[in-house]
Structures are given as structure tokens and as C-alpha cells.
Amino acid sequence: MFCHVGKALKTVLLLFLAVILLTASASYARRAAPTQAQEEKKSDYIKYVEFNVSYLALKKAMNLDIESRKDGGNLSWIQMLAYLGAKYGGDFKRYKSSDIDAFVKKIQTSSVDEITKDMKYYRYYLEAYTAVLGGLLGKYREDEEEKYGLIGYSPIAKTFPYSDCDDFGARRTYGYSRPHLGHDMMAATGTPVIAVESGVVEALGWNQYGGWRIGIRSFDSKRYYYYAHLRQNRPYAENLAVGQTVKAGDVIGYVGRTGYSSKENVNNIKISHLHFGLQLIFDESQKECNNEIWVDVYALTKLLRQHQSEVYRVAETKEYYRIKEIEIE
């Protein structure tokens, strides 16, 4: 009898232990495995952007934004352009100046949320265009005076001639056939290259496709500016280093024609020019992958030509430096 009672007790104990182990295992699994919401959140970021906003649309929206602030208003050029993006399905070949005027008129009596509530993709365009344009317009102080306007600069220093080549997406064949994911600005070797936006130097050195190049990440981490084919032998501004903070308008390097070689410091590019690229990063997994988001900056560089950094040359070192500092707020 006692023998049978012992076996029964043993069975109960084993069952009890099994329940404890299963419960603990399930609890650990719940903690260790991401929930469906977490998985969705991890993948819930923009994976593709086609930036086709025309120069005329950029210029008008920017000017309206600036004029609005002078009068105490708060019109946002990015909201205007996102509204047009949603209206046109991103196709700015359909752009009409009167469409911006219509938005400005509506905003006088309605909120942006009310105006865009039936526009399915407005939020997408707002986030995408904010990623592209978010660091280019804002408040700053110059000569002790508070101002509002362009705080982003042209990649080419003031008074230095250059011409644009609208070649985003054109075919390139060095190494392998691929689309050109930047904007070429044709300028003489030694032309000072300017930081478009303030940020942190993230890449510096040789790349067989871009030659001597610089990669600068914006402070909000959304934009990665890429400057390539820099000058042979002395490609960078003095003391430029990875991890260094640069200000919008600083001289960061010099135009050249290096690249298209696995061997460093080789001039294999036929024509001297700056390859200027802009990558958007909504998640760090996009930084270096097969699905990087590079956008066409041709219209943007035309706009930034209105704000070029004036520089001077030190004869002894042959280095260029910016003349005027602005304090960005």
C-alpha cells in the first residue's frame, strides 16, 4: 500500500515540476521573442523615396515659408510640398504654381490635418520630404541679428564656377553596370567643397568607385551626404577626421578626379568634378545594404546655389577657410 502511495506522490511531484518548467519556459519565450507589434514596429519605416520635387516648386514653397515667418506666421515649405506630393502622386511634372496658392489660401481658415485628412499618402510624403529637406531651412544669427532662411549651403564655394550635370540614374559601368546615384558638379580641380549641412564625419578615405571621399551624417541621422572624386594627394581640408563635427558652410575638401581604381590616389576619372550624393536613412539597417535610398538632388543644388559659402585662401598652406560664420539655432 505504502509503495503505491509513494508512486502516486512521485507522479504528482513530476507533474508539478513539469508544469513549473513549462510555465517558466513560456514566460521566457514571451520575454525573449519579439511580439507581433514589436516586429511590425521594427519594419515600420520608409523603404523607398523618389524625390522629384521641381526647382520651381522648391523655390516658391521656400520663399513663402520665409515670408510667412517675417510676418509672424508659420507656413511650412515641407507641408506645402508634401501636400503637392500627395496631390500629384509624387509626379512634379504636374506641378502648377496655383496649387501652392490654393494650399496657402486653405491654410488661412483650416488646419493642415483638415486639409489633408482625405489624402491617403500625405503622411508618407511629409516624412519623406522632411528627411530630405529637414536640415536646410531654419533660424540663425548673423552679425548679432536673428534671421530665418536657408541654413544649408551649396556644395561648391562662392565665386568658384561650376556647371551641373543632371545625370541621376544614368548608367555607369566601372566594376559592374549600375545607375549613377548622385549629382555631378563640374568644377576645376582644387575648387573648395563645402559642407551642405552641419553633422559628423562618418566616412573618410579611399573608395575605388568614389576615389577620395567624405561621408557626413546629419545630427538627426536622417541624411548622409556623400562627396566624392576629391583631389589627388590633398583631398581634404586640414585636420578633417572621422568623428569630427563640421558646420554647414565649412570647407571640407577639394574637387578632383580620383577614383575608378582599387589602388589609392589614382586619377582615373576623365573630367574633374564633385560627385554629390544624398542618402536617406530611416533605419540603421539601410545604411549599407542592397536597398539604400539615394535621392536626386539636382533641383536641390539649384536651390542651394542661392546660399554659397564665401572663402579665403591662406597662401602659406594653400588651404581655404570660410569667411563668415553663422550661429544656427
C-alpha atoms as a PDB file:
ATOM      1  CA  MET A   1       0.000   0.000   0.000  1.00  0.00           C
ATOM      2  CA  PHE A   2       2.727   2.464   1.036  1.00  0.00           C
ATOM      3  CA  CYS A   3       4.543   1.517  -2.117  1.00  0.00           C
ATOM      4  CA  HIS A   4       1.510   2.517  -4.221  1.00  0.00           C
ATOM      5  CA  VAL A   5       1.142   5.813  -2.305  1.00  0.00           C
ATOM      6  CA  GLY A   6       4.839   6.599  -2.934  1.00  0.00           C
ATOM      7  CA  LYS A   7       4.471   6.036  -6.665  1.00  0.00           C
ATOM      8  CA  ALA A   8       1.393   8.263  -6.794  1.00  0.00           C
ATOM      9  CA  LEU A   9       3.162  11.031  -4.868  1.00  0.00           C
ATOM     10  CA  LYS A  10       6.166  10.726  -7.170  1.00  0.00           C
ATOM     11  CA  THR A  11       3.916  11.078 -10.208  1.00  0.00           C
ATOM     12  CA  VAL A  12       2.230  14.165  -8.746  1.00  0.00           C
ATOM     13  CA  LEU A  13       5.627  15.735  -7.993  1.00  0.00           C
ATOM     14  CA  LEU A  14       6.865  15.045 -11.520  1.00  0.00           C
ATOM     15  CA  LEU A  15       3.723  16.566 -12.998  1.00  0.00           C
ATOM     16  CA  PHE A  16       4.105  19.603 -10.738  1.00  0.00           C
ATOM     17  CA  LEU A  17       7.718  20.079 -11.810  1.00  0.00           C
ATOM     18  CA  ALA A  18       6.756  19.741 -15.467  1.00  0.00           C
ATOM     19  CA  VAL A  19       4.109  22.438 -15.101  1.00  0.00           C
ATOM     20  CA  ILE A  20       6.637  24.766 -13.440  1.00  0.00           C
ATOM     21  CA  LEU A  21       9.179  24.169 -16.206  1.00  0.00           C
ATOM     22  CA  LEU A  22       6.635  24.699 -18.977  1.00  0.00           C
ATOM     23  CA  THR A  23       5.364  27.897 -17.361  1.00  0.00           C
ATOM     24  CA  ALA A  24       8.894  29.241 -16.938  1.00  0.00           C
ATOM     25  CA  SER A  25       9.766  28.291 -20.491  1.00  0.00           C
ATOM     26  CA  ALA A  26       6.683  30.022 -21.871  1.00  0.00           C
ATOM     27  CA  SER A  27       7.393  33.111 -19.774  1.00  0.00           C
ATOM     28  CA  TYR A  28      10.980  33.236 -21.051  1.00  0.00           C
ATOM     29  CA  ALA A  29       9.790  32.760 -24.625  1.00  0.00           C
ATOM     30  CA  ARG A  30       7.385  35.662 -24.237  1.00  0.00           C
ATOM     31  CA  ARG A  31      10.203  37.862 -22.930  1.00  0.00           C
ATOM     32  CA  ALA A  32      12.800  36.699 -25.437  1.00  0.00           C
ATOM     33  CA  ALA A  33      10.702  36.571 -28.603  1.00  0.00           C
ATOM     34  CA  PRO A  34       9.539  39.916 -30.028  1.00  0.00           C
ATOM     35  CA  THR A  35       5.801  40.447 -30.075  1.00  0.00           C
ATOM     36  CA  GLN A  36       3.972  40.971 -33.341  1.00  0.00           C
ATOM     37  CA  ALA A  37       3.690  44.673 -32.516  1.00  0.00           C
ATOM     38  CA  GLN A  38       7.443  44.854 -31.935  1.00  0.00           C
ATOM     39  CA  GLU A  39       8.139  43.068 -35.219  1.00  0.00           C
ATOM     40  CA  GLU A  40       5.826  45.449 -37.061  1.00  0.00           C
ATOM     41  CA  LYS A  41       7.464  48.432 -35.394  1.00  0.00           C
ATOM     42  CA  LYS A  42      10.926  47.159 -36.388  1.00  0.00           C
ATOM     43  CA  SER A  43       9.894  47.014 -40.044  1.00  0.00           C
ATOM     44  CA  ASP A  44       7.607  50.049 -39.996  1.00  0.00           C
ATOM     45  CA  TYR A  45       9.891  52.569 -41.688  1.00  0.00           C
ATOM     46  CA  ILE A  46      10.117  54.056 -45.166  1.00  0.00           C
ATOM     47  CA  LYS A  47      11.991  51.819 -47.581  1.00  0.00           C
ATOM     48  CA  TYR A  48      11.722  53.809 -50.808  1.00  0.00           C
ATOM     49  CA  VAL A  49      11.696  57.503 -51.723  1.00  0.00           C
ATOM     50  CA  GLU A  50      11.650  59.097 -55.148  1.00  0.00           C
ATOM     51  CA  PHE A  51      12.326  62.812 -54.747  1.00  0.00           C
ATOM     52  CA  ASN A  52      11.036  64.536 -57.875  1.00  0.00           C
ATOM     53  CA  VAL A  53      10.170  67.943 -56.428  1.00  0.00           C
ATOM     54  CA  SER A  54      10.945  70.549 -59.103  1.00  0.00           C
ATOM     55  CA  TYR A  55      13.192  73.539 -58.565  1.00  0.00           C
ATOM     56  CA  LEU A  56      10.310  75.956 -59.145  1.00  0.00           C
ATOM     57  CA  ALA A  57       8.178  74.203 -56.504  1.00  0.00           C
ATOM     58  CA  LEU A  58      11.080  74.165 -54.035  1.00  0.00           C
ATOM     59  CA  LYS A  59      11.831  77.837 -54.589  1.00  0.00           C
ATOM     60  CA  LYS A  60       8.235  79.033 -54.297  1.00  0.00           C
ATOM     61  CA  ALA A  61       7.488  76.935 -51.196  1.00  0.00           C
ATOM     62  CA  MET A  62      10.711  78.071 -49.524  1.00  0.00           C
ATOM     63  CA  ASN A  63      10.088  81.752 -50.264  1.00  0.00           C
ATOM     64  CA  LEU A  64       6.514  81.528 -48.936  1.00  0.00           C
ATOM     65  CA  ASP A  65       7.812  79.873 -45.768  1.00  0.00           C
ATOM     66  CA  ILE A  66      10.441  82.616 -45.244  1.00  0.00           C
ATOM     67  CA  GLU A  67       7.998  85.458 -45.957  1.00  0.00           C
ATOM     68  CA  SER A  68       5.464  83.918 -43.597  1.00  0.00           C
ATOM     69  CA  ARG A  69       7.959  83.937 -40.705  1.00  0.00           C
ATOM     70  CA  LYS A  70       8.723  87.627 -41.317  1.00  0.00           C
ATOM     71  CA  ASP A  71       5.038  88.367 -40.781  1.00  0.00           C
ATOM     72  CA  GLY A  72       4.796  86.198 -37.666  1.00  0.00           C
ATOM     73  CA  GLY A  73       3.269  83.204 -39.468  1.00  0.00           C
ATOM     74  CA  ASN A  74       4.405  79.602 -39.552  1.00  0.00           C
ATOM     75  CA  LEU A  75       3.833  78.319 -43.063  1.00  0.00           C
ATOM     76  CA  SER A  76       5.945  75.204 -43.628  1.00  0.00           C
ATOM     77  CA  TRP A  77       7.521  74.610 -47.016  1.00  0.00           C
ATOM     78  CA  ILE A  78       7.720  70.897 -46.269  1.00  0.00           C
ATOM     79  CA  GLN A  79       3.988  70.706 -45.524  1.00  0.00           C
ATOM     80  CA  MET A  80       3.262  72.571 -48.760  1.00  0.00           C
ATOM     81  CA  LEU A  81       5.437  70.215 -50.784  1.00  0.00           C
ATOM     82  CA  ALA A  82       4.046  67.114 -49.034  1.00  0.00           C
ATOM     83  CA  TYR A  83       0.547  68.308 -49.907  1.00  0.00           C
ATOM     84  CA  LEU A  84       1.596  68.623 -53.553  1.00  0.00           C
ATOM     85  CA  GLY A  85       3.356  65.246 -53.413  1.00  0.00           C
ATOM     86  CA  ALA A  86       0.157  63.594 -52.201  1.00  0.00           C
ATOM     87  CA  LYS A  87      -1.897  65.502 -54.779  1.00  0.00           C
ATOM     88  CA  TYR A  88       0.395  64.566 -57.683  1.00  0.00           C
ATOM     89  CA  GLY A  89       1.345  61.075 -56.552  1.00  0.00           C
ATOM     90  CA  GLY A  90       4.931  62.341 -56.354  1.00  0.00           C
ATOM     91  CA  ASP A  91       4.971  63.381 -60.038  1.00  0.00           C
ATOM     92  CA  PHE A  92       6.028  67.030 -60.085  1.00  0.00           C
ATOM     93  CA  LYS A  93       5.774  67.200 -63.851  1.00  0.00           C
ATOM     94  CA  ARG A  94       2.183  68.046 -62.939  1.00  0.00           C
ATOM     95  CA  TYR A  95       3.294  70.999 -60.822  1.00  0.00           C
ATOM     96  CA  LYS A  96       1.297  74.212 -61.052  1.00  0.00           C
ATOM     97  CA  SER A  97       2.144  77.282 -59.025  1.00  0.00           C
ATOM     98  CA  SER A  98      -1.557  77.873 -58.433  1.00  0.00           C
ATOM     99  CA  ASP A  99      -1.750  74.611 -56.440  1.00  0.00           C
ATOM    100  CA  ILE A 100       0.556  76.076 -53.796  1.00  0.00           C
ATOM    101  CA  ASP A 101      -1.530  79.248 -53.793  1.00  0.00           C
ATOM    102  CA  ALA A 102      -4.635  77.148 -53.203  1.00  0.00           C
ATOM    103  CA  PHE A 103      -2.996  75.406 -50.228  1.00  0.00           C
ATOM    104  CA  VAL A 104      -1.928  78.754 -48.713  1.00  0.00           C
ATOM    105  CA  LYS A 105      -5.471  80.052 -49.090  1.00  0.00           C
ATOM    106  CA  LYS A 106      -6.930  76.955 -47.406  1.00  0.00           C
ATOM    107  CA  ILE A 107      -4.489  77.112 -44.507  1.00  0.00           C
ATOM    108  CA  GLN A 108      -5.825  80.555 -43.561  1.00  0.00           C
ATOM    109  CA  THR A 109      -9.122  79.031 -42.462  1.00  0.00           C
ATOM    110  CA  SER A 110      -8.361  75.336 -41.903  1.00  0.00           C
ATOM    111  CA  SER A 111      -5.688  73.233 -40.224  1.00  0.00           C
ATOM    112  CA  VAL A 112      -3.245  71.065 -42.171  1.00  0.00           C
ATOM    113  CA  ASP A 113      -4.914  67.972 -40.695  1.00  0.00           C
ATOM    114  CA  GLU A 114      -8.306  69.068 -42.017  1.00  0.00           C
ATOM    115  CA  ILE A 115      -6.929  69.910 -45.465  1.00  0.00           C
ATOM    116  CA  THR A 116      -5.087  66.587 -45.820  1.00  0.00           C
ATOM    117  CA  LYS A 117      -7.441  64.216 -43.971  1.00  0.00           C
ATOM    118  CA  ASP A 118      -8.584  62.533 -47.194  1.00  0.00           C
ATOM    119  CA  MET A 119      -5.112  62.393 -48.773  1.00  0.00           C
ATOM    120  CA  LYS A 120      -4.018  58.804 -48.288  1.00  0.00           C
ATOM    121  CA  TYR A 121      -0.293  59.357 -48.725  1.00  0.00           C
ATOM    122  CA  TYR A 122       0.177  62.806 -47.207  1.00  0.00           C
ATOM    123  CA  ARG A 123       1.884  61.420 -44.069  1.00  0.00           C
ATOM    124  CA  TYR A 124       4.268  59.396 -46.202  1.00  0.00           C
ATOM    125  CA  TYR A 125       5.300  62.431 -48.259  1.00  0.00           C
ATOM    126  CA  LEU A 126       5.579  64.565 -45.139  1.00  0.00           C
ATOM    127  CA  GLU A 127       8.021  62.120 -43.553  1.00  0.00           C
ATOM    128  CA  ALA A 128       9.937  61.539 -46.792  1.00  0.00           C
ATOM    129  CA  TYR A 129      10.299  65.224 -47.662  1.00  0.00           C
ATOM    130  CA  THR A 130      11.177  66.092 -44.061  1.00  0.00           C
ATOM    131  CA  ALA A 131      14.014  63.572 -44.312  1.00  0.00           C
ATOM    132  CA  VAL A 132      15.305  65.287 -47.467  1.00  0.00           C
ATOM    133  CA  LEU A 133      14.791  68.928 -46.522  1.00  0.00           C
ATOM    134  CA  GLY A 134      14.708  68.948 -42.724  1.00  0.00           C
ATOM    135  CA  GLY A 135      18.147  70.486 -42.198  1.00  0.00           C
ATOM    136  CA  LEU A 136      18.113  73.220 -44.838  1.00  0.00           C
ATOM    137  CA  LEU A 137      15.826  75.977 -43.534  1.00  0.00           C
ATOM    138  CA  GLY A 138      15.719  77.499 -40.067  1.00  0.00           C
ATOM    139  CA  LYS A 139      16.649  80.232 -37.609  1.00  0.00           C
ATOM    140  CA  TYR A 140      20.177  81.560 -37.348  1.00  0.00           C
ATOM    141  CA  ARG A 141      22.144  84.527 -36.053  1.00  0.00           C
ATOM    142  CA  GLU A 142      24.392  86.551 -38.318  1.00  0.00           C
ATOM    143  CA  ASP A 143      26.216  89.726 -37.238  1.00  0.00           C
ATOM    144  CA  GLU A 144      24.237  89.652 -33.965  1.00  0.00           C
ATOM    145  CA  GLU A 145      20.978  89.723 -35.911  1.00  0.00           C
ATOM    146  CA  GLU A 146      18.410  86.928 -35.737  1.00  0.00           C
ATOM    147  CA  LYS A 147      17.293  85.729 -39.150  1.00  0.00           C
ATOM    148  CA  TYR A 148      15.324  82.942 -40.776  1.00  0.00           C
ATOM    149  CA  GLY A 149      16.137  81.348 -44.108  1.00  0.00           C
ATOM    150  CA  LEU A 150      18.469  78.916 -45.805  1.00  0.00           C
ATOM    151  CA  ILE A 151      20.929  77.367 -43.369  1.00  0.00           C
ATOM    152  CA  GLY A 152      22.083  74.722 -45.848  1.00  0.00           C
ATOM    153  CA  TYR A 153      24.841  75.627 -48.303  1.00  0.00           C
ATOM    154  CA  SER A 154      25.766  74.816 -51.868  1.00  0.00           C
ATOM    155  CA  PRO A 155      28.451  72.086 -52.059  1.00  0.00           C
ATOM    156  CA  ILE A 156      30.617  74.483 -54.125  1.00  0.00           C
ATOM    157  CA  ALA A 157      32.191  77.604 -52.575  1.00  0.00           C
ATOM    158  CA  LYS A 158      31.136  81.085 -53.640  1.00  0.00           C
ATOM    159  CA  THR A 159      32.813  82.698 -56.706  1.00  0.00           C
ATOM    160  CA  PHE A 160      34.069  79.316 -57.979  1.00  0.00           C
ATOM    161  CA  PRO A 161      32.492  78.470 -61.350  1.00  0.00           C
ATOM    162  CA  TYR A 162      30.805  75.136 -61.930  1.00  0.00           C
ATOM    163  CA  SER A 163      28.194  73.561 -64.158  1.00  0.00           C
ATOM    164  CA  ASP A 164      25.585  70.940 -63.342  1.00  0.00           C
ATOM    165  CA  CYS A 165      25.130  67.576 -64.972  1.00  0.00           C
ATOM    166  CA  ASP A 166      21.594  66.249 -64.494  1.00  0.00           C
ATOM    167  CA  ASP A 167      22.657  62.617 -64.551  1.00  0.00           C
ATOM    168  CA  PHE A 168      20.974  60.879 -61.621  1.00  0.00           C
ATOM    169  CA  GLY A 169      20.146  57.312 -62.670  1.00  0.00           C
ATOM    170  CA  ALA A 170      22.475  57.383 -65.712  1.00  0.00           C
ATOM    171  CA  ARG A 171      24.334  54.148 -66.434  1.00  0.00           C
ATOM    172  CA  ARG A 172      27.808  53.581 -65.011  1.00  0.00           C
ATOM    173  CA  THR A 173      29.942  50.588 -65.993  1.00  0.00           C
ATOM    174  CA  TYR A 174      33.119  50.645 -63.879  1.00  0.00           C
ATOM    175  CA  GLY A 175      33.190  47.410 -61.856  1.00  0.00           C
ATOM    176  CA  TYR A 176      29.645  46.495 -62.891  1.00  0.00           C
ATOM    177  CA  SER A 177      26.690  48.077 -64.647  1.00  0.00           C
ATOM    178  CA  ARG A 178      24.728  50.268 -62.230  1.00  0.00           C
ATOM    179  CA  PRO A 179      22.754  53.525 -62.026  1.00  0.00           C
ATOM    180  CA  HIS A 180      24.519  56.731 -61.042  1.00  0.00           C
ATOM    181  CA  LEU A 181      23.187  57.603 -57.575  1.00  0.00           C
ATOM    182  CA  GLY A 182      24.428  61.152 -57.263  1.00  0.00           C
ATOM    183  CA  HIS A 183      24.707  64.541 -58.908  1.00  0.00           C
ATOM    184  CA  ASP A 184      27.835  65.637 -60.780  1.00  0.00           C
ATOM    185  CA  MET A 185      29.004  69.234 -60.393  1.00  0.00           C
ATOM    186  CA  MET A 186      31.699  70.027 -62.936  1.00  0.00           C
ATOM    187  CA  ALA A 187      34.399  72.285 -61.454  1.00  0.00           C
ATOM    188  CA  ALA A 188      38.139  72.826 -61.672  1.00  0.00           C
ATOM    189  CA  THR A 189      40.494  70.720 -59.590  1.00  0.00           C
ATOM    190  CA  GLY A 190      41.149  72.425 -56.262  1.00  0.00           C
ATOM    191  CA  THR A 191      37.720  74.090 -56.037  1.00  0.00           C
ATOM    192  CA  PRO A 192      36.741  74.160 -52.337  1.00  0.00           C
ATOM    193  CA  VAL A 193      33.981  71.715 -51.381  1.00  0.00           C
ATOM    194  CA  ILE A 194      31.533  72.895 -48.712  1.00  0.00           C
ATOM    195  CA  ALA A 195      29.554  71.025 -46.048  1.00  0.00           C
ATOM    196  CA  VAL A 196      25.912  71.399 -47.060  1.00  0.00           C
ATOM    197  CA  GLU A 197      24.625  70.733 -43.556  1.00  0.00           C
ATOM    198  CA  SER A 198      26.178  70.501 -40.110  1.00  0.00           C
ATOM    199  CA  GLY A 199      26.910  66.985 -38.951  1.00  0.00           C
ATOM    200  CA  VAL A 200      29.512  64.379 -38.059  1.00  0.00           C
ATOM    201  CA  VAL A 201      32.160  62.989 -40.401  1.00  0.00           C
ATOM    202  CA  GLU A 202      31.260  59.318 -40.691  1.00  0.00           C
ATOM    203  CA  ALA A 203      33.468  58.184 -43.581  1.00  0.00           C
ATOM    204  CA  LEU A 204      36.804  59.357 -44.886  1.00  0.00           C
ATOM    205  CA  GLY A 205      39.312  57.714 -47.167  1.00  0.00           C
ATOM    206  CA  TRP A 206      39.562  55.798 -50.400  1.00  0.00           C
ATOM    207  CA  ASN A 207      36.741  54.048 -52.226  1.00  0.00           C
ATOM    208  CA  GLN A 208      37.523  52.530 -55.606  1.00  0.00           C
ATOM    209  CA  TYR A 209      34.332  53.970 -57.111  1.00  0.00           C
ATOM    210  CA  GLY A 210      34.390  57.403 -55.476  1.00  0.00           C
ATOM    211  CA  GLY A 211      38.136  57.863 -55.043  1.00  0.00           C
ATOM    212  CA  TRP A 212      38.924  60.090 -52.079  1.00  0.00           C
ATOM    213  CA  ARG A 213      35.561  60.748 -50.490  1.00  0.00           C
ATOM    214  CA  ILE A 214      33.812  62.168 -47.421  1.00  0.00           C
ATOM    215  CA  GLY A 215      30.595  60.975 -45.790  1.00  0.00           C
ATOM    216  CA  ILE A 216      28.850  63.299 -43.324  1.00  0.00           C
ATOM    217  CA  ARG A 217      25.766  62.340 -41.275  1.00  0.00           C
ATOM    218  CA  SER A 218      23.264  64.980 -40.185  1.00  0.00           C
ATOM    219  CA  PHE A 219      22.659  65.358 -36.464  1.00  0.00           C
ATOM    220  CA  ASP A 220      19.181  63.814 -36.747  1.00  0.00           C
ATOM    221  CA  SER A 221      20.817  60.818 -38.554  1.00  0.00           C
ATOM    222  CA  LYS A 222      18.333  61.010 -41.455  1.00  0.00           C
ATOM    223  CA  ARG A 223      20.733  62.343 -44.094  1.00  0.00           C
ATOM    224  CA  TYR A 224      24.089  61.014 -45.231  1.00  0.00           C
ATOM    225  CA  TYR A 225      25.911  63.460 -47.503  1.00  0.00           C
ATOM    226  CA  TYR A 226      28.480  61.939 -49.836  1.00  0.00           C
ATOM    227  CA  TYR A 227      31.238  63.982 -51.530  1.00  0.00           C
ATOM    228  CA  ALA A 228      33.438  62.015 -53.930  1.00  0.00           C
ATOM    229  CA  HIS A 229      36.246  62.160 -56.562  1.00  0.00           C
ATOM    230  CA  LEU A 230      38.206  64.623 -54.414  1.00  0.00           C
ATOM    231  CA  ARG A 231      41.648  65.964 -55.291  1.00  0.00           C
ATOM    232  CA  GLN A 232      44.684  63.737 -55.612  1.00  0.00           C
ATOM    233  CA  ASN A 233      47.332  63.984 -52.842  1.00  0.00           C
ATOM    234  CA  ARG A 234      45.486  66.650 -50.782  1.00  0.00           C
ATOM    235  CA  PRO A 235      41.795  65.795 -50.956  1.00  0.00           C
ATOM    236  CA  TYR A 236      40.609  67.039 -47.541  1.00  0.00           C
ATOM    237  CA  ALA A 237      40.530  70.205 -45.525  1.00  0.00           C
ATOM    238  CA  GLU A 238      43.336  70.388 -42.990  1.00  0.00           C
ATOM    239  CA  ASN A 239      42.801  68.163 -39.907  1.00  0.00           C
ATOM    240  CA  LEU A 240      39.494  66.700 -41.115  1.00  0.00           C
ATOM    241  CA  ALA A 241      38.909  63.370 -39.357  1.00  0.00           C
ATOM    242  CA  VAL A 242      36.269  60.699 -38.780  1.00  0.00           C
ATOM    243  CA  GLY A 243      34.133  61.600 -35.772  1.00  0.00           C
ATOM    244  CA  GLN A 244      34.737  65.310 -36.194  1.00  0.00           C
ATOM    245  CA  THR A 245      31.800  67.722 -36.156  1.00  0.00           C
ATOM    246  CA  VAL A 246      31.604  70.114 -39.099  1.00  0.00           C
ATOM    247  CA  LYS A 247      29.364  73.140 -39.543  1.00  0.00           C
ATOM    248  CA  ALA A 248      27.256  73.928 -42.560  1.00  0.00           C
ATOM    249  CA  GLY A 249      29.384  76.215 -44.722  1.00  0.00           C
ATOM    250  CA  ASP A 250      32.773  74.793 -43.645  1.00  0.00           C
ATOM    251  CA  VAL A 251      35.378  73.890 -46.256  1.00  0.00           C
ATOM    252  CA  ILE A 252      35.752  70.106 -46.068  1.00  0.00           C
ATOM    253  CA  GLY A 253      37.750  69.209 -49.178  1.00  0.00           C
ATOM    254  CA  TYR A 254      38.688  69.974 -52.762  1.00  0.00           C
ATOM    255  CA  VAL A 255      37.303  68.951 -56.136  1.00  0.00           C
ATOM    256  CA  GLY A 256      39.376  66.460 -58.130  1.00  0.00           C
ATOM    257  CA  ARG A 257      39.011  63.412 -60.353  1.00  0.00           C
ATOM    258  CA  THR A 258      40.173  60.449 -58.254  1.00  0.00           C
ATOM    259  CA  GLY A 259      38.517  57.059 -58.360  1.00  0.00           C
ATOM    260  CA  TYR A 260      37.717  54.055 -60.549  1.00  0.00           C
ATOM    261  CA  SER A 261      40.727  52.193 -59.205  1.00  0.00           C
ATOM    262  CA  SER A 262      41.372  49.673 -56.451  1.00  0.00           C
ATOM    263  CA  LYS A 263      44.732  51.391 -55.992  1.00  0.00           C
ATOM    264  CA  GLU A 264      44.643  54.507 -53.818  1.00  0.00           C
ATOM    265  CA  ASN A 265      45.272  58.065 -55.024  1.00  0.00           C
ATOM    266  CA  VAL A 266      44.694  57.394 -58.713  1.00  0.00           C
ATOM    267  CA  ASN A 267      43.131  59.855 -61.191  1.00  0.00           C
ATOM    268  CA  ASN A 268      41.008  57.585 -63.358  1.00  0.00           C
ATOM    269  CA  ILE A 269      38.054  59.956 -63.738  1.00  0.00           C
ATOM    270  CA  LYS A 270      38.302  61.804 -67.044  1.00  0.00           C
ATOM    271  CA  ILE A 271      36.796  65.141 -66.034  1.00  0.00           C
ATOM    272  CA  SER A 272      37.330  66.960 -62.754  1.00  0.00           C
ATOM    273  CA  HIS A 273      34.069  67.204 -60.820  1.00  0.00           C
ATOM    274  CA  LEU A 274      32.359  66.738 -57.480  1.00  0.00           C
ATOM    275  CA  HIS A 275      30.057  63.754 -57.138  1.00  0.00           C
ATOM    276  CA  PHE A 276      27.495  64.925 -54.575  1.00  0.00           C
ATOM    277  CA  GLY A 277      25.042  62.367 -53.187  1.00  0.00           C
ATOM    278  CA  LEU A 278      22.323  62.272 -50.553  1.00  0.00           C
ATOM    279  CA  GLN A 279      21.242  59.043 -48.880  1.00  0.00           C
ATOM    280  CA  LEU A 280      18.164  58.901 -46.655  1.00  0.00           C
ATOM    281  CA  ILE A 281      18.285  56.661 -43.596  1.00  0.00           C
ATOM    282  CA  PHE A 282      15.072  55.824 -41.738  1.00  0.00           C
ATOM    283  CA  ASP A 283      16.573  52.763 -40.032  1.00  0.00           C
ATOM    284  CA  GLU A 284      20.229  51.905 -39.451  1.00  0.00           C
ATOM    285  CA  SER A 285      19.811  48.669 -41.414  1.00  0.00           C
ATOM    286  CA  GLN A 286      19.554  50.891 -44.523  1.00  0.00           C
ATOM    287  CA  LYS A 287      22.980  52.461 -44.103  1.00  0.00           C
ATOM    288  CA  GLU A 288      24.967  49.875 -46.045  1.00  0.00           C
ATOM    289  CA  CYS A 289      22.770  47.370 -47.825  1.00  0.00           C
ATOM    290  CA  ASN A 290      21.342  46.434 -51.204  1.00  0.00           C
ATOM    291  CA  ASN A 291      18.338  48.724 -50.725  1.00  0.00           C
ATOM    292  CA  GLU A 292      19.914  52.063 -49.894  1.00  0.00           C
ATOM    293  CA  ILE A 293      17.793  55.153 -50.577  1.00  0.00           C
ATOM    294  CA  TRP A 294      19.635  57.719 -52.687  1.00  0.00           C
ATOM    295  CA  VAL A 295      17.652  60.679 -53.989  1.00  0.00           C
ATOM    296  CA  ASP A 296      18.033  63.006 -56.961  1.00  0.00           C
ATOM    297  CA  VAL A 297      19.465  66.302 -55.683  1.00  0.00           C
ATOM    298  CA  TYR A 298      19.684  68.180 -58.989  1.00  0.00           C
ATOM    299  CA  ALA A 299      16.841  70.597 -58.155  1.00  0.00           C
ATOM    300  CA  LEU A 300      18.119  70.912 -54.606  1.00  0.00           C
ATOM    301  CA  THR A 301      21.597  72.026 -55.691  1.00  0.00           C
ATOM    302  CA  LYS A 302      19.997  74.679 -57.906  1.00  0.00           C
ATOM    303  CA  LEU A 303      18.149  75.980 -54.857  1.00  0.00           C
ATOM    304  CA  LEU A 304      21.266  75.887 -52.654  1.00  0.00           C
ATOM    305  CA  ARG A 305      23.158  77.962 -55.211  1.00  0.00           C
ATOM    306  CA  GLN A 306      21.370  80.903 -53.583  1.00  0.00           C
ATOM    307  CA  HIS A 307      23.446  80.263 -50.446  1.00  0.00           C
ATOM    308  CA  GLN A 308      27.149  79.740 -51.113  1.00  0.00           C
ATOM    309  CA  SER A 309      29.898  79.907 -48.520  1.00  0.00           C
ATOM    310  CA  GLU A 310      32.413  82.678 -49.111  1.00  0.00           C
ATOM    311  CA  VAL A 311      36.002  81.528 -48.548  1.00  0.00           C
ATOM    312  CA  TYR A 312      39.543  82.886 -48.392  1.00  0.00           C
ATOM    313  CA  ARG A 313      42.915  81.260 -49.102  1.00  0.00           C
ATOM    314  CA  VAL A 314      45.959  81.134 -46.819  1.00  0.00           C
ATOM    315  CA  ALA A 315      48.966  81.445 -49.131  1.00  0.00           C
ATOM    316  CA  GLU A 316      51.413  79.580 -46.862  1.00  0.00           C
ATOM    317  CA  THR A 317      49.287  76.446 -46.515  1.00  0.00           C
ATOM    318  CA  LYS A 318      47.211  76.831 -49.699  1.00  0.00           C
ATOM    319  CA  GLU A 319      44.180  75.953 -47.588  1.00  0.00           C
ATOM    320  CA  TYR A 320      40.786  77.619 -47.891  1.00  0.00           C
ATOM    321  CA  TYR A 321      38.571  78.644 -44.970  1.00  0.00           C
ATOM    322  CA  ARG A 322      35.104  80.131 -44.679  1.00  0.00           C
ATOM    323  CA  ILE A 323      34.883  83.890 -44.159  1.00  0.00           C
ATOM    324  CA  LYS A 324      31.579  84.305 -42.362  1.00  0.00           C
ATOM    325  CA  GLU A 325      30.199  82.192 -39.525  1.00  0.00           C
ATOM    326  CA  ILE A 326      26.514  81.901 -38.731  1.00  0.00           C
ATOM    327  CA  GLU A 327      25.111  80.576 -35.492  1.00  0.00           C
ATOM    328  CA  ILE A 328      22.334  78.109 -36.215  1.00  0.00           C
ATOM    329  CA  GLU A 329      19.635  77.983 -33.542  1.00  0.00           C
END
